[in-house]
Amino acid sequence: MKETNQAKLQDIVRAVLELPEGADVAAVKKITTRRWDSLAQVSLIAAVEGEFGVSLPVADYGRFTSYKAIELLLSEKGL
């Protein structure tokens, strides 16, 4: 994944999950992040689609389980 896209994704994750500015998001996981509920899940998907100009198939929504998983998904999409 391109460095500029990584920075954008990190900003999205921080904003949606209400993490402190500059917080390291590399280890953020759905299972261990209290604020990552179903609404945050939908917000993350919408923010990623909007920021990167992609339309993700519903089958990919379940892959939003961690920062690293989202990063991998976007890398597979050529971002």
PDB file of N, CA and C in Angstrom:
ATOM      1  N   MET A   1       0.841  -1.171   0.000  1.00  0.00           N
ATOM      2  CA  MET A   1       0.000   0.000   0.000  1.00  0.00           C
ATOM      3  C   MET A   1       0.891   1.241   0.000  1.00  0.00           C
ATOM      4  N   LYS A   2       0.519   2.211  -0.794  1.00  0.00           N
ATOM      5  CA  LYS A   2       1.294   3.443  -0.900  1.00  0.00           C
ATOM      6  C   LYS A   2       1.296   4.183   0.438  1.00  0.00           C
ATOM      7  N   GLU A   3       2.411   4.848   0.713  1.00  0.00           N
ATOM      8  CA  GLU A   3       2.565   5.547   1.984  1.00  0.00           C
ATOM      9  C   GLU A   3       1.491   6.619   2.197  1.00  0.00           C
ATOM     10  N   THR A   4       1.144   7.341   1.138  1.00  0.00           N
ATOM     11  CA  THR A   4       0.113   8.376   1.279  1.00  0.00           C
ATOM     12  C   THR A   4      -1.235   7.748   1.599  1.00  0.00           C
ATOM     13  N   ASN A   5      -1.505   6.597   1.015  1.00  0.00           N
ATOM     14  CA  ASN A   5      -2.759   5.901   1.307  1.00  0.00           C
ATOM     15  C   ASN A   5      -2.762   5.337   2.725  1.00  0.00           C
ATOM     16  N   GLN A   6      -1.600   4.906   3.195  1.00  0.00           N
ATOM     17  CA  GLN A   6      -1.503   4.424   4.575  1.00  0.00           C
ATOM     18  C   GLN A   6      -1.847   5.554   5.543  1.00  0.00           C
ATOM     19  N   ALA A   7      -1.325   6.736   5.275  1.00  0.00           N
ATOM     20  CA  ALA A   7      -1.602   7.887   6.140  1.00  0.00           C
ATOM     21  C   ALA A   7      -3.092   8.220   6.130  1.00  0.00           C
ATOM     22  N   LYS A   8      -3.713   8.155   4.963  1.00  0.00           N
ATOM     23  CA  LYS A   8      -5.156   8.419   4.864  1.00  0.00           C
ATOM     24  C   LYS A   8      -5.943   7.381   5.656  1.00  0.00           C
ATOM     25  N   LEU A   9      -5.581   6.109   5.510  1.00  0.00           N
ATOM     26  CA  LEU A   9      -6.272   5.046   6.224  1.00  0.00           C
ATOM     27  C   LEU A   9      -6.094   5.200   7.734  1.00  0.00           C
ATOM     28  N   GLN A  10      -4.911   5.542   8.166  1.00  0.00           N
ATOM     29  CA  GLN A  10      -4.669   5.752   9.588  1.00  0.00           C
ATOM     30  C   GLN A  10      -5.542   6.881  10.117  1.00  0.00           C
ATOM     31  N   ASP A  11      -5.653   7.959   9.362  1.00  0.00           N
ATOM     32  CA  ASP A  11      -6.496   9.081   9.771  1.00  0.00           C
ATOM     33  C   ASP A  11      -7.965   8.665   9.871  1.00  0.00           C
ATOM     34  N   ILE A  12      -8.417   7.859   8.920  1.00  0.00           N
ATOM     35  CA  ILE A  12      -9.801   7.372   8.938  1.00  0.00           C
ATOM     36  C   ILE A  12     -10.053   6.539  10.194  1.00  0.00           C
ATOM     37  N   VAL A  13      -9.162   5.613  10.471  1.00  0.00           N
ATOM     38  CA  VAL A  13      -9.327   4.730  11.631  1.00  0.00           C
ATOM     39  C   VAL A  13      -9.318   5.546  12.918  1.00  0.00           C
ATOM     40  N   ARG A  14      -8.393   6.491  13.030  1.00  0.00           N
ATOM     41  CA  ARG A  14      -8.353   7.339  14.230  1.00  0.00           C
ATOM     42  C   ARG A  14      -9.646   8.131  14.398  1.00  0.00           C
ATOM     43  N   ALA A  15     -10.130   8.706  13.308  1.00  0.00           N
ATOM     44  CA  ALA A  15     -11.336   9.539  13.372  1.00  0.00           C
ATOM     45  C   ALA A  15     -12.574   8.715  13.722  1.00  0.00           C
ATOM     46  N   VAL A  16     -12.776   7.622  13.020  1.00  0.00           N
ATOM     47  CA  VAL A  16     -13.983   6.809  13.231  1.00  0.00           C
ATOM     48  C   VAL A  16     -13.990   6.183  14.620  1.00  0.00           C
ATOM     49  N   LEU A  17     -12.840   5.704  15.069  1.00  0.00           N
ATOM     50  CA  LEU A  17     -12.769   5.035  16.367  1.00  0.00           C
ATOM     51  C   LEU A  17     -12.448   5.999  17.506  1.00  0.00           C
ATOM     52  N   GLU A  18     -12.381   7.284  17.173  1.00  0.00           N
ATOM     53  CA  GLU A  18     -12.132   8.339  18.152  1.00  0.00           C
ATOM     54  C   GLU A  18     -10.861   8.085  18.954  1.00  0.00           C
ATOM     55  N   LEU A  19      -9.793   7.737  18.240  1.00  0.00           N
ATOM     56  CA  LEU A  19      -8.496   7.527  18.862  1.00  0.00           C
ATOM     57  C   LEU A  19      -7.757   8.856  18.917  1.00  0.00           C
ATOM     58  N   PRO A  20      -6.836   9.016  19.859  1.00  0.00           N
ATOM     59  CA  PRO A  20      -6.090  10.268  19.961  1.00  0.00           C
ATOM     60  C   PRO A  20      -5.263  10.541  18.707  1.00  0.00           C
ATOM     61  N   GLU A  21      -5.094  11.822  18.404  1.00  0.00           N
ATOM     62  CA  GLU A  21      -4.278  12.234  17.257  1.00  0.00           C
ATOM     63  C   GLU A  21      -2.880  11.650  17.424  1.00  0.00           C
ATOM     64  N   GLY A  22      -2.378  11.044  16.387  1.00  0.00           N
ATOM     65  CA  GLY A  22      -1.048  10.453  16.426  1.00  0.00           C
ATOM     66  C   GLY A  22      -0.998   9.059  17.033  1.00  0.00           C
ATOM     67  N   ALA A  23      -2.137   8.525  17.448  1.00  0.00           N
ATOM     68  CA  ALA A  23      -2.156   7.169  18.021  1.00  0.00           C
ATOM     69  C   ALA A  23      -1.723   6.156  16.967  1.00  0.00           C
ATOM     70  N   ASP A  24      -0.936   5.181  17.404  1.00  0.00           N
ATOM     71  CA  ASP A  24      -0.486   4.124  16.503  1.00  0.00           C
ATOM     72  C   ASP A  24      -1.649   3.173  16.247  1.00  0.00           C
ATOM     73  N   VAL A  25      -2.077   3.103  15.009  1.00  0.00           N
ATOM     74  CA  VAL A  25      -3.235   2.268  14.680  1.00  0.00           C
ATOM     75  C   VAL A  25      -2.852   0.890  14.154  1.00  0.00           C
ATOM     76  N   ALA A  26      -1.571   0.631  14.013  1.00  0.00           N
ATOM     77  CA  ALA A  26      -1.126  -0.638  13.423  1.00  0.00           C
ATOM     78  C   ALA A  26      -1.636  -1.860  14.182  1.00  0.00           C
ATOM     79  N   ALA A  27      -1.824  -1.733  15.482  1.00  0.00           N
ATOM     80  CA  ALA A  27      -2.255  -2.877  16.287  1.00  0.00           C
ATOM     81  C   ALA A  27      -3.751  -2.861  16.589  1.00  0.00           C
ATOM     82  N   VAL A  28      -4.488  -1.920  16.027  1.00  0.00           N
ATOM     83  CA  VAL A  28      -5.921  -1.809  16.310  1.00  0.00           C
ATOM     84  C   VAL A  28      -6.673  -2.993  15.702  1.00  0.00           C
ATOM     85  N   LYS A  29      -7.475  -3.646  16.557  1.00  0.00           N
ATOM     86  CA  LYS A  29      -8.284  -4.785  16.126  1.00  0.00           C
ATOM     87  C   LYS A  29      -9.703  -4.598  16.627  1.00  0.00           C
ATOM     88  N   LYS A  30     -10.636  -5.081  15.851  1.00  0.00           N
ATOM     89  CA  LYS A  30     -12.050  -4.978  16.214  1.00  0.00           C
ATOM     90  C   LYS A  30     -12.318  -5.637  17.560  1.00  0.00           C
ATOM     91  N   ILE A  31     -11.741  -6.775  17.775  1.00  0.00           N
ATOM     92  CA  ILE A  31     -12.024  -7.557  18.981  1.00  0.00           C
ATOM     93  C   ILE A  31     -11.493  -6.894  20.253  1.00  0.00           C
ATOM     94  N   THR A  32     -10.490  -6.031  20.131  1.00  0.00           N
ATOM     95  CA  THR A  32      -9.896  -5.420  21.320  1.00  0.00           C
ATOM     96  C   THR A  32     -10.151  -3.917  21.433  1.00  0.00           C
ATOM     97  N   THR A  33     -10.880  -3.355  20.489  1.00  0.00           N
ATOM     98  CA  THR A  33     -11.145  -1.918  20.503  1.00  0.00           C
ATOM     99  C   THR A  33     -12.599  -1.680  20.891  1.00  0.00           C
ATOM    100  N   ARG A  34     -12.798  -1.111  22.056  1.00  0.00           N
ATOM    101  CA  ARG A  34     -14.129  -0.927  22.625  1.00  0.00           C
ATOM    102  C   ARG A  34     -15.049  -0.139  21.700  1.00  0.00           C
ATOM    103  N   ARG A  35     -14.545   0.864  21.038  1.00  0.00           N
ATOM    104  CA  ARG A  35     -15.377   1.733  20.195  1.00  0.00           C
ATOM    105  C   ARG A  35     -15.686   1.126  18.817  1.00  0.00           C
ATOM    106  N   TRP A  36     -15.096  -0.013  18.511  1.00  0.00           N
ATOM    107  CA  TRP A  36     -15.309  -0.625  17.202  1.00  0.00           C
ATOM    108  C   TRP A  36     -16.557  -1.513  17.282  1.00  0.00           C
ATOM    109  N   ASP A  37     -17.705  -0.876  17.226  1.00  0.00           N
ATOM    110  CA  ASP A  37     -18.971  -1.596  17.251  1.00  0.00           C
ATOM    111  C   ASP A  37     -19.551  -1.648  15.838  1.00  0.00           C
ATOM    112  N   SER A  38     -20.801  -2.066  15.715  1.00  0.00           N
ATOM    113  CA  SER A  38     -21.390  -2.225  14.381  1.00  0.00           C
ATOM    114  C   SER A  38     -21.521  -0.886  13.649  1.00  0.00           C
ATOM    115  N   LEU A  39     -21.819   0.180  14.376  1.00  0.00           N
ATOM    116  CA  LEU A  39     -21.904   1.498  13.739  1.00  0.00           C
ATOM    117  C   LEU A  39     -20.531   1.952  13.261  1.00  0.00           C
ATOM    118  N   ALA A  40     -19.507   1.719  14.066  1.00  0.00           N
ATOM    119  CA  ALA A  40     -18.141   2.070  13.655  1.00  0.00           C
ATOM    120  C   ALA A  40     -17.732   1.250  12.431  1.00  0.00           C
ATOM    121  N   GLN A  41     -18.162  -0.004  12.383  1.00  0.00           N
ATOM    122  CA  GLN A  41     -17.852  -0.865  11.237  1.00  0.00           C
ATOM    123  C   GLN A  41     -18.403  -0.253   9.946  1.00  0.00           C
ATOM    124  N   VAL A  42     -19.665   0.144   9.987  1.00  0.00           N
ATOM    125  CA  VAL A  42     -20.308   0.745   8.815  1.00  0.00           C
ATOM    126  C   VAL A  42     -19.635   2.077   8.472  1.00  0.00           C
ATOM    127  N   SER A  43     -19.307   2.847   9.486  1.00  0.00           N
ATOM    128  CA  SER A  43     -18.641   4.134   9.267  1.00  0.00           C
ATOM    129  C   SER A  43     -17.263   3.957   8.644  1.00  0.00           C
ATOM    130  N   LEU A  44     -16.530   2.950   9.096  1.00  0.00           N
ATOM    131  CA  LEU A  44     -15.210   2.665   8.510  1.00  0.00           C
ATOM    132  C   LEU A  44     -15.338   2.302   7.038  1.00  0.00           C
ATOM    133  N   ILE A  45     -16.275   1.439   6.737  1.00  0.00           N
ATOM    134  CA  ILE A  45     -16.478   1.009   5.351  1.00  0.00           C
ATOM    135  C   ILE A  45     -16.843   2.206   4.477  1.00  0.00           C
ATOM    136  N   ALA A  46     -17.779   3.007   4.936  1.00  0.00           N
ATOM    137  CA  ALA A  46     -18.211   4.179   4.161  1.00  0.00           C
ATOM    138  C   ALA A  46     -17.073   5.175   3.972  1.00  0.00           C
ATOM    139  N   ALA A  47     -16.304   5.402   5.031  1.00  0.00           N
ATOM    140  CA  ALA A  47     -15.192   6.349   4.947  1.00  0.00           C
ATOM    141  C   ALA A  47     -14.105   5.857   3.993  1.00  0.00           C
ATOM    142  N   VAL A  48     -13.808   4.571   4.049  1.00  0.00           N
ATOM    143  CA  VAL A  48     -12.793   3.993   3.154  1.00  0.00           C
ATOM    144  C   VAL A  48     -13.260   4.076   1.702  1.00  0.00           C
ATOM    145  N   GLU A  49     -14.513   3.703   1.464  1.00  0.00           N
ATOM    146  CA  GLU A  49     -15.037   3.773   0.098  1.00  0.00           C
ATOM    147  C   GLU A  49     -15.011   5.213  -0.419  1.00  0.00           C
ATOM    148  N   GLY A  50     -15.405   6.152   0.411  1.00  0.00           N
ATOM    149  CA  GLY A  50     -15.432   7.546  -0.010  1.00  0.00           C
ATOM    150  C   GLY A  50     -14.048   8.124  -0.250  1.00  0.00           C
ATOM    151  N   GLU A  51     -13.135   7.858   0.658  1.00  0.00           N
ATOM    152  CA  GLU A  51     -11.786   8.424   0.558  1.00  0.00           C
ATOM    153  C   GLU A  51     -11.002   7.848  -0.610  1.00  0.00           C
ATOM    154  N   PHE A  52     -11.148   6.556  -0.850  1.00  0.00           N
ATOM    155  CA  PHE A  52     -10.351   5.900  -1.880  1.00  0.00           C
ATOM    156  C   PHE A  52     -11.098   5.699  -3.193  1.00  0.00           C
ATOM    157  N   GLY A  53     -12.346   6.122  -3.245  1.00  0.00           N
ATOM    158  CA  GLY A  53     -13.102   6.034  -4.492  1.00  0.00           C
ATOM    159  C   GLY A  53     -13.335   4.621  -4.976  1.00  0.00           C
ATOM    160  N   VAL A  54     -13.580   3.724  -4.030  1.00  0.00           N
ATOM    161  CA  VAL A  54     -13.846   2.328  -4.385  1.00  0.00           C
ATOM    162  C   VAL A  54     -15.227   1.943  -3.890  1.00  0.00           C
ATOM    163  N   SER A  55     -15.779   0.940  -4.513  1.00  0.00           N
ATOM    164  CA  SER A  55     -17.043   0.363  -4.061  1.00  0.00           C
ATOM    165  C   SER A  55     -16.742  -1.085  -3.703  1.00  0.00           C
ATOM    166  N   LEU A  56     -16.748  -1.368  -2.425  1.00  0.00           N
ATOM    167  CA  LEU A  56     -16.388  -2.704  -1.966  1.00  0.00           C
ATOM    168  C   LEU A  56     -17.600  -3.626  -2.005  1.00  0.00           C
ATOM    169  N   PRO A  57     -17.408  -4.851  -2.463  1.00  0.00           N
ATOM    170  CA  PRO A  57     -18.502  -5.810  -2.431  1.00  0.00           C
ATOM    171  C   PRO A  57     -18.821  -6.179  -0.981  1.00  0.00           C
ATOM    172  N   VAL A  58     -20.070  -6.508  -0.731  1.00  0.00           N
ATOM    173  CA  VAL A  58     -20.515  -6.859   0.613  1.00  0.00           C
ATOM    174  C   VAL A  58     -19.653  -7.980   1.197  1.00  0.00           C
ATOM    175  N   ALA A  59     -19.178  -8.868   0.379  1.00  0.00           N
ATOM    176  CA  ALA A  59     -18.345  -9.978   0.846  1.00  0.00           C
ATOM    177  C   ALA A  59     -17.071  -9.485   1.525  1.00  0.00           C
ATOM    178  N   ASP A  60     -16.601  -8.294   1.175  1.00  0.00           N
ATOM    179  CA  ASP A  60     -15.381  -7.747   1.776  1.00  0.00           C
ATOM    180  C   ASP A  60     -15.629  -7.051   3.113  1.00  0.00           C
ATOM    181  N   TYR A  61     -16.866  -6.752   3.438  1.00  0.00           N
ATOM    182  CA  TYR A  61     -17.168  -6.043   4.676  1.00  0.00           C
ATOM    183  C   TYR A  61     -16.683  -6.815   5.897  1.00  0.00           C
ATOM    184  N   GLY A  62     -16.802  -8.113   5.854  1.00  0.00           N
ATOM    185  CA  GLY A  62     -16.367  -8.950   6.965  1.00  0.00           C
ATOM    186  C   GLY A  62     -14.872  -8.968   7.175  1.00  0.00           C
ATOM    187  N   ARG A  63     -14.140  -8.483   6.196  1.00  0.00           N
ATOM    188  CA  ARG A  63     -12.681  -8.436   6.317  1.00  0.00           C
ATOM    189  C   ARG A  63     -12.210  -7.238   7.130  1.00  0.00           C
ATOM    190  N   PHE A  64     -13.103  -6.346   7.472  1.00  0.00           N
ATOM    191  CA  PHE A  64     -12.759  -5.192   8.299  1.00  0.00           C
ATOM    192  C   PHE A  64     -12.686  -5.636   9.758  1.00  0.00           C
ATOM    193  N   THR A  65     -11.587  -6.311  10.106  1.00  0.00           N
ATOM    194  CA  THR A  65     -11.419  -6.838  11.460  1.00  0.00           C
ATOM    195  C   THR A  65     -10.247  -6.209  12.195  1.00  0.00           C
ATOM    196  N   SER A  66      -9.390  -5.517  11.466  1.00  0.00           N
ATOM    197  CA  SER A  66      -8.236  -4.855  12.071  1.00  0.00           C
ATOM    198  C   SER A  66      -7.687  -3.851  11.063  1.00  0.00           C
ATOM    199  N   TYR A  67      -6.838  -2.979  11.565  1.00  0.00           N
ATOM    200  CA  TYR A  67      -6.186  -2.031  10.665  1.00  0.00           C
ATOM    201  C   TYR A  67      -5.409  -2.790   9.594  1.00  0.00           C
ATOM    202  N   LYS A  68      -4.636  -3.782  10.029  1.00  0.00           N
ATOM    203  CA  LYS A  68      -3.812  -4.550   9.090  1.00  0.00           C
ATOM    204  C   LYS A  68      -4.671  -5.256   8.034  1.00  0.00           C
ATOM    205  N   ALA A  69      -5.824  -5.765   8.433  1.00  0.00           N
ATOM    206  CA  ALA A  69      -6.709  -6.453   7.483  1.00  0.00           C
ATOM    207  C   ALA A  69      -7.264  -5.474   6.448  1.00  0.00           C
ATOM    208  N   ILE A  70      -7.621  -4.281   6.896  1.00  0.00           N
ATOM    209  CA  ILE A  70      -8.125  -3.266   5.962  1.00  0.00           C
ATOM    210  C   ILE A  70      -7.011  -2.843   5.013  1.00  0.00           C
ATOM    211  N   GLU A  71      -5.825  -2.669   5.554  1.00  0.00           N
ATOM    212  CA  GLU A  71      -4.663  -2.299   4.739  1.00  0.00           C
ATOM    213  C   GLU A  71      -4.397  -3.357   3.664  1.00  0.00           C
ATOM    214  N   LEU A  72      -4.463  -4.624   4.048  1.00  0.00           N
ATOM    215  CA  LEU A  72      -4.250  -5.730   3.103  1.00  0.00           C
ATOM    216  C   LEU A  72      -5.332  -5.719   2.025  1.00  0.00           C
ATOM    217  N   LEU A  73      -6.566  -5.532   2.422  1.00  0.00           N
ATOM    218  CA  LEU A  73      -7.679  -5.481   1.463  1.00  0.00           C
ATOM    219  C   LEU A  73      -7.465  -4.375   0.443  1.00  0.00           C
ATOM    220  N   LEU A  74      -7.090  -3.198   0.897  1.00  0.00           N
ATOM    221  CA  LEU A  74      -6.869  -2.083  -0.015  1.00  0.00           C
ATOM    222  C   LEU A  74      -5.657  -2.338  -0.910  1.00  0.00           C
ATOM    223  N   SER A  75      -4.644  -2.985  -0.385  1.00  0.00           N
ATOM    224  CA  SER A  75      -3.476  -3.338  -1.206  1.00  0.00           C
ATOM    225  C   SER A  75      -3.875  -4.291  -2.326  1.00  0.00           C
ATOM    226  N   GLU A  76      -4.757  -5.233  -2.003  1.00  0.00           N
ATOM    227  CA  GLU A  76      -5.247  -6.165  -3.019  1.00  0.00           C
ATOM    228  C   GLU A  76      -6.050  -5.448  -4.103  1.00  0.00           C
ATOM    229  N   LYS A  77      -6.644  -4.321  -3.750  1.00  0.00           N
ATOM    230  CA  LYS A  77      -7.415  -3.521  -4.705  1.00  0.00           C
ATOM    231  C   LYS A  77      -6.506  -2.571  -5.494  1.00  0.00           C
ATOM    232  N   GLY A  78      -5.207  -2.638  -5.244  1.00  0.00           N
ATOM    233  CA  GLY A  78      -4.255  -1.813  -5.983  1.00  0.00           C
ATOM    234  C   GLY A  78      -4.038  -0.434  -5.406  1.00  0.00           C
ATOM    235  N   LEU A  79      -4.463  -0.236  -4.183  1.00  0.00           N
ATOM    236  CA  LEU A  79      -4.279   1.049  -3.540  1.00  0.00           C
ATOM    237  C   LEU A  79      -3.074   0.982  -2.653  1.00  0.00           C
TER     238      LEU A  79
END
